[in-house]
Amino acid sequence: MKSLDLFQLTNQVRAGKLRAHDVVKESLARINRSNSTLNAFISINSEAMKQAGELDARIARDRSEGFVVAAPG
């Protein structure tokens, strides 16, 4: 996932090759690993994992779902 841009991530999630849940999980892990050094994030959406799960469910019903709501940090 690290080498994919937002457009590629969006297409992969829409196609069912990646789950939004996995993208968000990896993003949060990267933030946790690096933010103490970078101090780049003021706040993190506490509902991100829930929203990603909801997005995955919508995509499973209808592959034409909109953009990914999160991208790796």
C-alpha atoms as a PDB file:
ATOM      1  CA  MET A   1       0.000   0.000   0.000  1.00  0.00           C
ATOM      2  CA  LYS A   2       2.879   2.370   0.706  1.00  0.00           C
ATOM      3  CA  SER A   3       3.723   2.780  -2.967  1.00  0.00           C
ATOM      4  CA  LEU A   4       0.149   3.496  -4.091  1.00  0.00           C
ATOM      5  CA  ASP A   5      -1.148   7.023  -4.544  1.00  0.00           C
ATOM      6  CA  LEU A   6      -4.687   8.051  -3.560  1.00  0.00           C
ATOM      7  CA  PHE A   7      -6.074   7.398  -7.045  1.00  0.00           C
ATOM      8  CA  GLN A   8      -4.587   3.894  -7.093  1.00  0.00           C
ATOM      9  CA  LEU A   9      -5.821   3.159  -3.566  1.00  0.00           C
ATOM     10  CA  THR A  10      -9.309   4.312  -4.529  1.00  0.00           C
ATOM     11  CA  ASN A  11      -9.358   2.044  -7.560  1.00  0.00           C
ATOM     12  CA  GLN A  12      -8.027  -0.926  -5.586  1.00  0.00           C
ATOM     13  CA  VAL A  13     -10.679  -0.480  -2.882  1.00  0.00           C
ATOM     14  CA  ARG A  14     -13.476  -0.033  -5.428  1.00  0.00           C
ATOM     15  CA  ALA A  15     -12.337  -3.173  -7.257  1.00  0.00           C
ATOM     16  CA  GLY A  16     -12.313  -5.181  -4.032  1.00  0.00           C
ATOM     17  CA  LYS A  17      -8.554  -5.774  -4.187  1.00  0.00           C
ATOM     18  CA  LEU A  18      -8.049  -3.801  -0.950  1.00  0.00           C
ATOM     19  CA  ARG A  19     -10.425  -3.062   1.897  1.00  0.00           C
ATOM     20  CA  ALA A  20     -10.836   0.477   3.215  1.00  0.00           C
ATOM     21  CA  HIS A  21     -10.476  -1.047   6.693  1.00  0.00           C
ATOM     22  CA  ASP A  22      -6.975  -2.273   5.821  1.00  0.00           C
ATOM     23  CA  VAL A  23      -5.987   1.074   4.289  1.00  0.00           C
ATOM     24  CA  VAL A  24      -7.107   2.946   7.408  1.00  0.00           C
ATOM     25  CA  LYS A  25      -5.486   0.400   9.739  1.00  0.00           C
ATOM     26  CA  GLU A  26      -2.148   0.779   7.922  1.00  0.00           C
ATOM     27  CA  SER A  27      -2.512   4.565   7.893  1.00  0.00           C
ATOM     28  CA  LEU A  28      -3.129   4.701  11.636  1.00  0.00           C
ATOM     29  CA  ALA A  29      -0.195   2.366  12.285  1.00  0.00           C
ATOM     30  CA  ARG A  30       2.110   4.584  10.209  1.00  0.00           C
ATOM     31  CA  ILE A  31       0.870   7.664  12.045  1.00  0.00           C
ATOM     32  CA  ASN A  32       1.489   5.993  15.408  1.00  0.00           C
ATOM     33  CA  ARG A  33       5.003   4.963  14.366  1.00  0.00           C
ATOM     34  CA  SER A  34       6.091   8.334  13.031  1.00  0.00           C
ATOM     35  CA  ASN A  35       4.024  11.115  14.577  1.00  0.00           C
ATOM     36  CA  SER A  36       6.077  11.398  17.764  1.00  0.00           C
ATOM     37  CA  THR A  37       9.029  12.383  15.555  1.00  0.00           C
ATOM     38  CA  LEU A  38       7.194  14.272  12.821  1.00  0.00           C
ATOM     39  CA  ASN A  39       4.487  15.841  14.972  1.00  0.00           C
ATOM     40  CA  ALA A  40       2.467  16.259  11.766  1.00  0.00           C
ATOM     41  CA  PHE A  41      -1.021  15.392  13.014  1.00  0.00           C
ATOM     42  CA  ILE A  42      -3.081  17.640  15.273  1.00  0.00           C
ATOM     43  CA  SER A  43      -5.974  15.201  15.536  1.00  0.00           C
ATOM     44  CA  ILE A  44      -6.969  11.803  14.222  1.00  0.00           C
ATOM     45  CA  ASN A  45     -10.530  10.795  13.412  1.00  0.00           C
ATOM     46  CA  SER A  46     -11.532   8.429  16.210  1.00  0.00           C
ATOM     47  CA  GLU A  47     -14.296   7.056  13.979  1.00  0.00           C
ATOM     48  CA  ALA A  48     -11.962   6.217  11.070  1.00  0.00           C
ATOM     49  CA  MET A  49     -12.047   2.434  11.528  1.00  0.00           C
ATOM     50  CA  LYS A  50     -15.831   2.417  11.897  1.00  0.00           C
ATOM     51  CA  GLN A  51     -16.240   4.603   8.810  1.00  0.00           C
ATOM     52  CA  ALA A  52     -13.887   2.385   6.828  1.00  0.00           C
ATOM     53  CA  GLY A  53     -15.953  -0.669   7.756  1.00  0.00           C
ATOM     54  CA  GLU A  54     -19.107   1.117   6.655  1.00  0.00           C
ATOM     55  CA  LEU A  55     -17.443   2.058   3.372  1.00  0.00           C
ATOM     56  CA  ASP A  56     -16.392  -1.562   2.800  1.00  0.00           C
ATOM     57  CA  ALA A  57     -19.995  -2.675   3.393  1.00  0.00           C
ATOM     58  CA  ARG A  58     -21.325  -0.091   0.915  1.00  0.00           C
ATOM     59  CA  ILE A  59     -18.740  -1.102  -1.674  1.00  0.00           C
ATOM     60  CA  ALA A  60     -19.660  -4.762  -1.218  1.00  0.00           C
ATOM     61  CA  ARG A  61     -23.262  -3.832  -2.082  1.00  0.00           C
ATOM     62  CA  ASP A  62     -22.451  -1.402  -4.898  1.00  0.00           C
ATOM     63  CA  ARG A  63     -19.023  -1.211  -6.565  1.00  0.00           C
ATOM     64  CA  SER A  64     -19.692   2.351  -7.772  1.00  0.00           C
ATOM     65  CA  GLU A  65     -19.117   3.823  -4.275  1.00  0.00           C
ATOM     66  CA  GLY A  66     -17.323   7.180  -4.101  1.00  0.00           C
ATOM     67  CA  PHE A  67     -13.798   8.076  -3.076  1.00  0.00           C
ATOM     68  CA  VAL A  68     -11.834   6.432  -0.298  1.00  0.00           C
ATOM     69  CA  VAL A  69     -12.274   8.350   2.935  1.00  0.00           C
ATOM     70  CA  ALA A  70      -8.680   7.862   4.113  1.00  0.00           C
ATOM     71  CA  ALA A  71      -5.245   7.378   2.667  1.00  0.00           C
ATOM     72  CA  PRO A  72      -1.943   6.295   4.180  1.00  0.00           C
ATOM     73  CA  GLY A  73      -0.260   8.998   6.217  1.00  0.00           C
END
